[in-house]
Amino acid sequence: MLICHWRSHRGTAFWVGSVLLAILLLPVSGFALDPDEVLIVANRRVEEGVALATYYARRRRIPKANRLLLDLPDNEVCPRDIYDRKVAAHVRAYLSGDKAARSIRCIVLMYGMPLKVAPGWDWAKGSDRSGPAKIQHDPWASLDSELAVVKCPELPLGGWIKNPFCLLFQNHVPVVSKKEVLMVARLDGPTAAGVRHIIDDALRVEASGLSGIAYFDARWPMTADPTSSAYREYDRAIHRAARRVAASGRLRVVVDDHEALFQPGQCPEAALYCGWYNLGRYVDAFDWKPGAVGFHVASSECVTLKNPDSQVWCKRMLENGVCATLGPVGEPYLQAFPDPELFFGFLAEGLLTLAECYQLSLPYLSWKMVLIGDPLYRPFAAGR
């Protein structure tokens, strides 16, 4: 991973201010994302995905009009020209429709939608939109992250567009307006049955509240170090996430500060998890509780959700019963991961939905990250 500057802004005053700022940034009734503001996008060529779109809309009471069916190859990789013509163009057309369509704030991609946007075959020649004049860093991206800025076709492609909602960048001049940025999540996984479990578990857990144990797998003790690297700073953010969850009183918290990862049998009743770093090799240490949320920080843990032989963390966590996770479709570099203190801190507060917690903690758009789970999920809503 790239060594980089990791911002440090700590303390109770910062956290209280962040909560208040988050509420101001996401001004909706009751603070949380509303079902009327969610657009469901499915691939008409994948019958199971279309059926899941109908099921999810019914369970969450999302209006029938808030559904868009696209005609796409049944493949995890989508070439850039197909994305432009058959995804982005249709989504923009929908969003420019009536008043209800223009009020959409979140897109949820269903099982069967592509995971990654690939460069066009001749992108290096500059003959399409993914040519070098437009590419800032890398022509590959997650389809989800590209759709977050689908309202802004004039933006350069290839990542590193600072997310104007991310609290880490509130003192920066935004490249893109908040009004033009969408939240994006996907209801996806290795099987359609697993996606249905995600939908059902989220609703069931919301009614009673998520219970269990929160596990945070740091690599070093939480100590001050004036010569700290980006790795040390991110490690401290994991420690701070644990402290936020502990302070909320929602769950018992277990922190490991040794370089070795949690090992099989060490994480019973796992409700929350954040840890690192084991590239593409899931360690089955967890007995996931229904409704569990967690992510593993490594370079390519969401390169596939369908390859049966893959051991990447997102896929394996979903197979083993986690309800929501996130990860990159390729090397994102460390600073592109959501800040764990913000993500888990807001999640434990119980005011905001999963998609909003992700949006406020995610540094970059048009890049590599993917959020998997019900965007409306609030695991601690029952405790409010």
Protein backbone atom coordinates (compact mmCIF):
# COMPACT_ATOMS: atom_id res chain seq x y z
CA MET A 1 0.00 0.00 0.00
CA LEU A 2 1.04 3.57 -0.62
CA ILE A 3 2.58 5.37 2.33
CA CYS A 4 0.70 8.61 2.70
CA HIS A 5 -0.25 11.37 5.09
CA TRP A 6 -3.13 10.27 7.29
CA ARG A 7 -4.97 13.15 8.88
CA SER A 8 -5.29 13.23 12.62
CA HIS A 9 -8.15 15.14 14.26
CA ARG A 10 -9.04 13.65 17.56
CA GLY A 11 -10.86 14.13 20.80
CA THR A 12 -14.38 14.43 22.14
CA ALA A 13 -14.85 17.94 20.78
CA PHE A 14 -14.04 16.77 17.27
CA TRP A 15 -16.41 13.82 17.57
CA VAL A 16 -19.35 15.86 18.88
CA GLY A 17 -18.74 18.41 16.15
CA SER A 18 -18.57 15.66 13.55
CA VAL A 19 -21.94 14.23 14.59
CA LEU A 20 -23.57 17.64 14.37
CA LEU A 21 -21.89 18.37 11.05
CA ALA A 22 -23.00 15.01 9.67
CA ILE A 23 -26.60 15.80 10.52
CA LEU A 24 -26.29 19.15 8.74
CA LEU A 25 -24.69 17.52 5.71
CA LEU A 26 -27.51 15.01 5.37
CA PRO A 27 -30.63 17.10 6.00
CA VAL A 28 -33.53 14.67 5.78
CA SER A 29 -36.50 13.95 7.98
CA GLY A 30 -35.33 12.04 11.04
CA PHE A 31 -31.76 12.45 9.68
CA ALA A 32 -31.77 9.02 8.03
CA LEU A 33 -32.08 8.21 4.34
CA ASP A 34 -35.70 7.68 3.31
CA PRO A 35 -36.94 4.80 1.10
CA ASP A 36 -38.43 7.33 -1.33
CA GLU A 37 -34.89 8.57 -1.97
CA VAL A 38 -33.51 5.18 -3.07
CA LEU A 39 -33.25 4.07 -6.69
CA ILE A 40 -32.93 0.31 -7.31
CA VAL A 41 -30.88 -0.60 -10.39
CA ALA A 42 -30.92 -4.18 -11.71
CA ASN A 43 -29.72 -6.09 -14.76
CA ARG A 44 -32.72 -7.40 -16.70
CA ARG A 45 -30.58 -10.28 -18.04
CA VAL A 46 -30.20 -11.71 -14.51
CA GLU A 47 -33.62 -12.96 -13.43
CA GLU A 48 -32.57 -13.56 -9.84
CA GLY A 49 -31.40 -9.96 -9.58
CA VAL A 50 -34.68 -8.62 -10.97
CA ALA A 51 -36.61 -10.79 -8.50
CA LEU A 52 -34.44 -9.52 -5.64
CA ALA A 53 -35.08 -5.93 -6.75
CA THR A 54 -38.83 -6.55 -6.44
CA TYR A 55 -38.39 -8.28 -3.10
CA TYR A 56 -36.20 -5.53 -1.66
CA ALA A 57 -38.58 -2.79 -2.82
CA ARG A 58 -41.48 -4.56 -1.15
CA ARG A 59 -39.65 -5.19 2.12
CA ARG A 60 -38.38 -1.61 2.35
CA ARG A 61 -41.51 -0.01 0.87
CA ILE A 62 -39.58 1.67 -1.91
CA PRO A 63 -41.95 3.10 -4.56
CA LYS A 64 -42.40 0.98 -7.69
CA ALA A 65 -41.29 3.92 -9.80
CA ASN A 66 -37.90 3.85 -8.09
CA ARG A 67 -36.59 0.99 -10.18
CA LEU A 68 -34.43 0.98 -13.29
CA LEU A 69 -33.74 -2.16 -15.33
CA LEU A 70 -30.68 -2.12 -17.58
CA ASP A 71 -29.66 -4.46 -20.37
CA LEU A 72 -26.10 -5.54 -19.53
CA PRO A 73 -23.83 -8.56 -19.92
CA ASP A 74 -23.94 -10.93 -16.95
CA ASN A 75 -20.34 -10.28 -15.99
CA GLU A 76 -18.47 -8.76 -13.07
CA VAL A 77 -16.45 -6.55 -15.43
CA CYS A 78 -18.05 -3.82 -17.53
CA PRO A 79 -16.02 -2.14 -20.32
CA ARG A 80 -15.94 1.65 -20.14
CA ASP A 81 -17.92 2.15 -23.35
CA ILE A 82 -20.69 -0.14 -22.08
CA TYR A 83 -20.73 1.70 -18.77
CA ASP A 84 -21.05 5.06 -20.56
CA ARG A 85 -23.77 4.00 -22.99
CA LYS A 86 -25.79 1.43 -21.08
CA VAL A 87 -25.35 2.41 -17.44
CA ALA A 88 -24.41 6.05 -16.93
CA ALA A 89 -26.56 7.44 -19.74
CA HIS A 90 -29.68 5.61 -18.54
CA VAL A 91 -29.13 6.51 -14.90
CA ARG A 92 -28.66 10.20 -15.82
CA ALA A 93 -31.83 10.12 -17.91
CA TYR A 94 -33.79 8.63 -15.01
CA LEU A 95 -32.44 11.16 -12.50
CA SER A 96 -33.39 14.06 -14.75
CA GLY A 97 -37.03 12.96 -14.80
CA ASP A 98 -39.90 14.06 -12.57
CA LYS A 99 -39.65 15.58 -9.10
CA ALA A 100 -39.51 12.19 -7.40
CA ALA A 101 -36.63 11.06 -9.62
CA ARG A 102 -34.73 14.27 -8.95
CA SER A 103 -35.01 13.65 -5.20
CA ILE A 104 -33.03 10.38 -5.40
CA ARG A 105 -30.03 10.44 -3.05
CA CYS A 106 -28.96 6.81 -3.12
CA ILE A 107 -28.56 4.06 -5.71
CA VAL A 108 -28.65 0.39 -4.71
CA LEU A 109 -27.20 -2.02 -7.27
CA MET A 110 -28.70 -5.49 -7.27
CA TYR A 111 -27.19 -8.94 -7.65
CA GLY A 112 -26.23 -9.34 -11.33
CA MET A 113 -24.93 -5.81 -11.87
CA PRO A 114 -21.25 -5.50 -12.90
CA LEU A 115 -18.74 -4.87 -10.15
CA LYS A 116 -15.90 -3.16 -12.04
CA VAL A 117 -15.51 -0.69 -14.88
CA ALA A 118 -12.61 -1.61 -17.17
CA PRO A 119 -10.81 0.68 -19.62
CA GLY A 120 -11.90 0.51 -23.25
CA TRP A 121 -9.68 -1.63 -25.48
CA ASP A 122 -8.11 1.47 -27.05
CA TRP A 123 -8.05 3.76 -24.03
CA ALA A 124 -4.28 4.23 -24.30
CA LYS A 125 -4.79 5.82 -27.75
CA GLY A 126 -7.08 8.43 -26.25
CA SER A 127 -9.91 7.62 -28.64
CA ASP A 128 -12.66 7.32 -26.03
CA ARG A 129 -13.58 8.98 -22.73
CA SER A 130 -11.13 6.79 -20.84
CA GLY A 131 -8.19 8.16 -22.83
CA PRO A 132 -5.14 9.59 -21.07
CA ALA A 133 -6.41 13.17 -21.27
CA LYS A 134 -9.21 12.19 -18.90
CA ILE A 135 -7.48 9.59 -16.74
CA GLN A 136 -5.94 11.01 -13.58
CA HIS A 137 -4.59 7.85 -11.98
CA ASP A 138 -6.03 4.52 -13.05
CA PRO A 139 -8.63 3.64 -15.72
CA TRP A 140 -10.10 0.87 -13.57
CA ALA A 141 -12.81 1.70 -11.02
CA SER A 142 -15.70 0.15 -9.20
CA LEU A 143 -18.97 0.69 -11.03
CA ASP A 144 -20.41 1.85 -7.71
CA SER A 145 -17.86 4.61 -7.21
CA GLU A 146 -18.29 5.87 -10.78
CA LEU A 147 -22.05 6.07 -10.28
CA ALA A 148 -21.53 8.21 -7.19
CA VAL A 149 -20.56 11.04 -9.59
CA VAL A 150 -22.75 10.02 -12.52
CA LYS A 151 -24.40 13.45 -12.48
CA CYS A 152 -21.04 15.00 -13.39
CA PRO A 153 -19.97 13.60 -16.78
CA GLU A 154 -17.45 16.42 -17.20
CA LEU A 155 -15.27 15.21 -14.32
CA PRO A 156 -11.93 13.52 -15.08
CA LEU A 157 -12.09 9.75 -14.80
CA GLY A 158 -9.77 7.52 -12.87
CA GLY A 159 -10.22 8.38 -9.25
CA TRP A 160 -9.03 10.67 -6.52
CA ILE A 161 -12.07 12.91 -6.64
CA LYS A 162 -12.35 14.07 -3.06
CA ASN A 163 -15.73 13.19 -1.60
CA PRO A 164 -17.32 16.48 -0.49
CA PHE A 165 -19.33 14.65 2.17
CA CYS A 166 -16.27 13.09 3.81
CA LEU A 167 -15.57 14.81 7.12
CA LEU A 168 -11.83 14.49 6.53
CA PHE A 169 -12.13 17.07 3.73
CA GLN A 170 -14.46 19.65 5.22
CA ASN A 171 -11.76 22.33 5.09
CA HIS A 172 -11.02 21.64 1.41
CA VAL A 173 -12.51 23.33 -1.63
CA PRO A 174 -14.67 20.63 -3.25
CA VAL A 175 -14.14 19.60 -6.86
CA VAL A 176 -17.75 18.46 -7.09
CA SER A 177 -20.86 19.82 -5.39
CA LYS A 178 -22.62 17.79 -2.71
CA LYS A 179 -25.80 18.14 -4.74
CA GLU A 180 -24.18 16.18 -7.55
CA VAL A 181 -22.93 13.26 -5.44
CA LEU A 182 -25.00 10.14 -4.81
CA MET A 183 -24.67 7.47 -2.18
CA VAL A 184 -24.20 4.04 -3.76
CA ALA A 185 -24.42 0.58 -2.19
CA ARG A 186 -25.05 -2.87 -3.60
CA LEU A 187 -27.09 -5.88 -2.53
CA ASP A 188 -24.79 -8.50 -3.94
CA GLY A 189 -22.76 -11.54 -3.08
CA PRO A 190 -21.83 -15.05 -4.19
CA THR A 191 -25.47 -16.22 -4.35
CA ALA A 192 -28.95 -14.74 -4.71
CA ALA A 193 -30.03 -16.63 -1.59
CA GLY A 194 -27.29 -14.90 0.37
CA VAL A 195 -28.53 -11.50 -0.80
CA ARG A 196 -32.04 -12.33 0.38
CA HIS A 197 -30.57 -13.18 3.79
CA ILE A 198 -28.88 -9.76 3.88
CA ILE A 199 -32.21 -8.04 3.24
CA ASP A 200 -34.07 -10.13 5.81
CA ASP A 201 -31.35 -9.97 8.47
CA ALA A 202 -31.10 -6.18 8.23
CA LEU A 203 -34.82 -5.72 8.82
CA ARG A 204 -34.95 -8.32 11.59
CA VAL A 205 -31.98 -6.86 13.47
CA GLU A 206 -33.25 -3.29 13.15
CA ALA A 207 -36.34 -4.28 15.11
CA SER A 208 -34.35 -5.49 18.14
CA GLY A 209 -30.87 -4.01 17.75
CA LEU A 210 -27.56 -5.64 16.87
CA SER A 211 -26.04 -7.66 19.70
CA GLY A 212 -22.76 -9.46 20.16
CA ILE A 213 -19.12 -8.42 20.37
CA ALA A 214 -17.15 -5.82 18.40
CA TYR A 215 -13.69 -6.99 17.34
CA PHE A 216 -10.94 -4.58 16.31
CA ASP A 217 -7.71 -6.12 15.04
CA ALA A 218 -4.96 -3.51 15.19
CA ARG A 219 -1.30 -4.36 14.60
CA TRP A 220 0.39 -2.21 17.25
CA PRO A 221 -0.44 -0.70 20.66
CA MET A 222 -2.06 2.73 20.75
CA THR A 223 1.01 4.88 21.51
CA ALA A 224 2.10 8.36 20.50
CA ASP A 225 4.83 8.44 17.87
CA PRO A 226 5.99 11.74 16.33
CA THR A 227 7.64 9.87 13.44
CA SER A 228 4.51 7.89 12.71
CA SER A 229 3.84 6.45 9.25
CA ALA A 230 0.50 6.31 7.45
CA TYR A 231 0.21 2.70 8.58
CA ARG A 232 0.56 3.72 12.23
CA GLU A 233 -1.99 6.48 11.80
CA TYR A 234 -4.55 4.12 10.27
CA ASP A 235 -3.84 1.63 13.04
CA ARG A 236 -4.65 4.33 15.59
CA ALA A 237 -7.88 5.03 13.72
CA ILE A 238 -8.83 1.38 14.33
CA HIS A 239 -8.09 1.84 18.04
CA ARG A 240 -10.19 5.02 18.09
CA ALA A 241 -13.05 3.20 16.36
CA ALA A 242 -12.98 0.64 19.16
CA ARG A 243 -13.14 3.44 21.73
CA ARG A 244 -16.12 5.05 19.99
CA VAL A 245 -18.04 1.79 19.97
CA ALA A 246 -17.13 1.11 23.60
CA ALA A 247 -18.23 4.62 24.60
CA SER A 248 -21.59 4.08 22.91
CA GLY A 249 -22.32 1.21 25.29
CA ARG A 250 -23.84 -0.82 22.46
CA LEU A 251 -21.50 -3.79 22.48
CA ARG A 252 -18.65 -5.38 24.35
CA VAL A 253 -15.41 -4.51 22.58
CA VAL A 254 -12.33 -6.68 22.07
CA VAL A 255 -9.12 -5.10 20.75
CA ASP A 256 -6.07 -7.06 19.64
CA ASP A 257 -2.90 -4.99 19.22
CA HIS A 258 -0.49 -7.67 18.01
CA GLU A 259 0.60 -8.16 14.39
CA ALA A 260 -0.98 -11.63 14.17
CA LEU A 261 -4.60 -11.66 13.03
CA PHE A 262 -7.47 -13.15 14.97
CA GLN A 263 -7.31 -16.90 14.49
CA PRO A 264 -10.06 -19.53 14.05
CA GLY A 265 -12.26 -19.78 17.13
CA GLN A 266 -11.14 -16.47 18.64
CA CYS A 267 -14.13 -14.32 17.63
CA PRO A 268 -17.45 -15.78 18.81
CA GLU A 269 -20.63 -13.66 18.52
CA ALA A 270 -18.97 -11.23 16.12
CA ALA A 271 -21.21 -8.21 15.50
CA LEU A 272 -18.68 -5.63 14.28
CA TYR A 273 -15.18 -6.07 12.87
CA CYS A 274 -12.34 -4.00 11.50
CA GLY A 275 -8.82 -5.28 11.02
CA TRP A 276 -5.85 -5.72 8.71
CA TYR A 277 -3.70 -6.97 6.80
CA ASN A 278 -3.97 -10.37 5.08
CA LEU A 279 -4.19 -9.93 1.32
CA GLY A 280 -6.74 -12.18 -0.36
CA ARG A 281 -6.65 -14.80 2.38
CA TYR A 282 -9.69 -14.74 4.63
CA VAL A 283 -9.11 -16.07 8.13
CA ASP A 284 -12.21 -17.86 9.42
CA ALA A 285 -11.96 -16.55 12.98
CA PHE A 286 -15.54 -15.30 13.25
CA ASP A 287 -18.90 -16.64 14.29
CA TRP A 288 -20.92 -13.84 12.67
CA LYS A 289 -24.09 -12.68 14.38
CA PRO A 290 -27.09 -11.95 12.14
CA GLY A 291 -26.79 -8.33 11.05
CA ALA A 292 -22.99 -8.18 11.52
CA VAL A 293 -21.04 -5.36 9.88
CA GLY A 294 -17.30 -5.43 9.23
CA PHE A 295 -14.45 -4.86 6.83
CA HIS A 296 -10.85 -5.93 6.36
CA VAL A 297 -8.25 -3.45 5.16
CA ALA A 298 -6.28 -4.97 2.29
CA SER A 299 -5.61 -4.10 -1.32
CA SER A 300 -8.06 -6.21 -3.30
CA GLU A 301 -10.69 -7.74 -1.05
CA CYS A 302 -13.59 -7.11 -3.43
CA VAL A 303 -12.00 -8.01 -6.78
CA THR A 304 -14.70 -10.67 -7.13
CA LEU A 305 -17.87 -11.75 -5.39
CA LYS A 306 -18.55 -14.70 -7.68
CA ASN A 307 -15.32 -16.66 -8.24
CA PRO A 308 -15.91 -19.88 -6.26
CA ASP A 309 -12.18 -20.37 -5.60
CA SER A 310 -11.49 -16.87 -4.33
CA GLN A 311 -10.60 -16.30 -0.67
CA VAL A 312 -10.92 -12.50 -0.71
CA TRP A 313 -12.41 -11.12 2.47
CA CYS A 314 -15.61 -9.52 1.15
CA LYS A 315 -16.74 -12.67 -0.63
CA ARG A 316 -15.83 -15.00 2.23
CA MET A 317 -17.37 -12.78 4.90
CA LEU A 318 -20.62 -12.70 2.93
CA GLU A 319 -20.55 -16.48 2.50
CA ASN A 320 -20.10 -16.87 6.24
CA GLY A 321 -23.03 -14.64 7.15
CA VAL A 322 -21.94 -11.00 7.49
CA CYS A 323 -24.73 -8.54 6.65
CA ALA A 324 -22.63 -5.61 5.40
CA THR A 325 -19.04 -5.16 4.35
CA LEU A 326 -16.88 -3.03 2.08
CA GLY A 327 -13.69 -3.32 0.09
CA PRO A 328 -11.80 -2.37 -3.07
CA VAL A 329 -11.99 -3.89 -6.55
CA GLY A 330 -8.26 -3.26 -7.01
CA GLU A 331 -5.36 -1.52 -5.30
CA PRO A 332 -6.94 1.57 -3.71
CA TYR A 333 -4.01 2.70 -1.51
CA LEU A 334 -4.46 3.07 2.20
CA GLN A 335 -5.83 6.60 2.23
CA ALA A 336 -8.81 5.52 0.09
CA PHE A 337 -10.33 3.30 2.80
CA PRO A 338 -13.12 4.76 4.94
CA ASP A 339 -11.94 6.18 8.24
CA PRO A 340 -12.92 3.44 10.75
CA GLU A 341 -13.45 5.88 13.60
CA LEU A 342 -15.99 7.82 11.56
CA PHE A 343 -17.65 4.78 9.99
CA PHE A 344 -18.12 2.73 13.16
CA GLY A 345 -18.66 5.77 15.35
CA PHE A 346 -21.60 6.99 13.27
CA LEU A 347 -22.93 3.44 12.92
CA ALA A 348 -22.96 3.00 16.71
CA GLU A 349 -24.73 6.35 17.18
CA GLY A 350 -27.75 4.80 15.47
CA LEU A 351 -28.99 8.00 13.80
CA LEU A 352 -27.71 7.41 10.28
CA THR A 353 -28.11 4.58 7.79
CA LEU A 354 -25.31 2.32 6.61
CA ALA A 355 -25.01 4.30 3.35
CA GLU A 356 -24.73 7.60 5.19
CA CYS A 357 -22.07 6.29 7.59
CA TYR A 358 -20.10 5.13 4.57
CA GLN A 359 -20.57 8.40 2.70
CA LEU A 360 -19.33 10.52 5.61
CA SER A 361 -16.20 8.39 6.09
CA LEU A 362 -15.26 7.59 2.44
CA PRO A 363 -12.42 9.81 1.16
CA TYR A 364 -12.53 9.34 -2.64
CA LEU A 365 -15.02 8.88 -5.47
CA SER A 366 -14.59 7.57 -9.03
CA TRP A 367 -12.19 5.07 -7.53
CA LYS A 368 -12.11 1.51 -6.20
CA MET A 369 -14.32 1.11 -3.10
CA VAL A 370 -17.59 -0.83 -2.86
CA LEU A 371 -20.18 -0.95 -0.07
CA ILE A 372 -22.16 -4.20 0.14
CA GLY A 373 -25.32 -4.20 2.24
CA ASP A 374 -28.74 -2.64 2.58
CA PRO A 375 -28.12 1.13 2.36
CA LEU A 376 -31.12 1.74 4.67
CA TYR A 377 -29.78 -0.56 7.38
CA ARG A 378 -29.48 0.95 10.88
CA PRO A 379 -28.23 -1.85 13.17
CA PHE A 380 -28.64 0.24 16.33
CA ALA A 381 -31.87 2.05 15.44
CA ALA A 382 -33.78 0.13 18.12
CA GLY A 383 -31.59 1.67 20.81
CA ARG A 384 -32.40 5.27 19.92
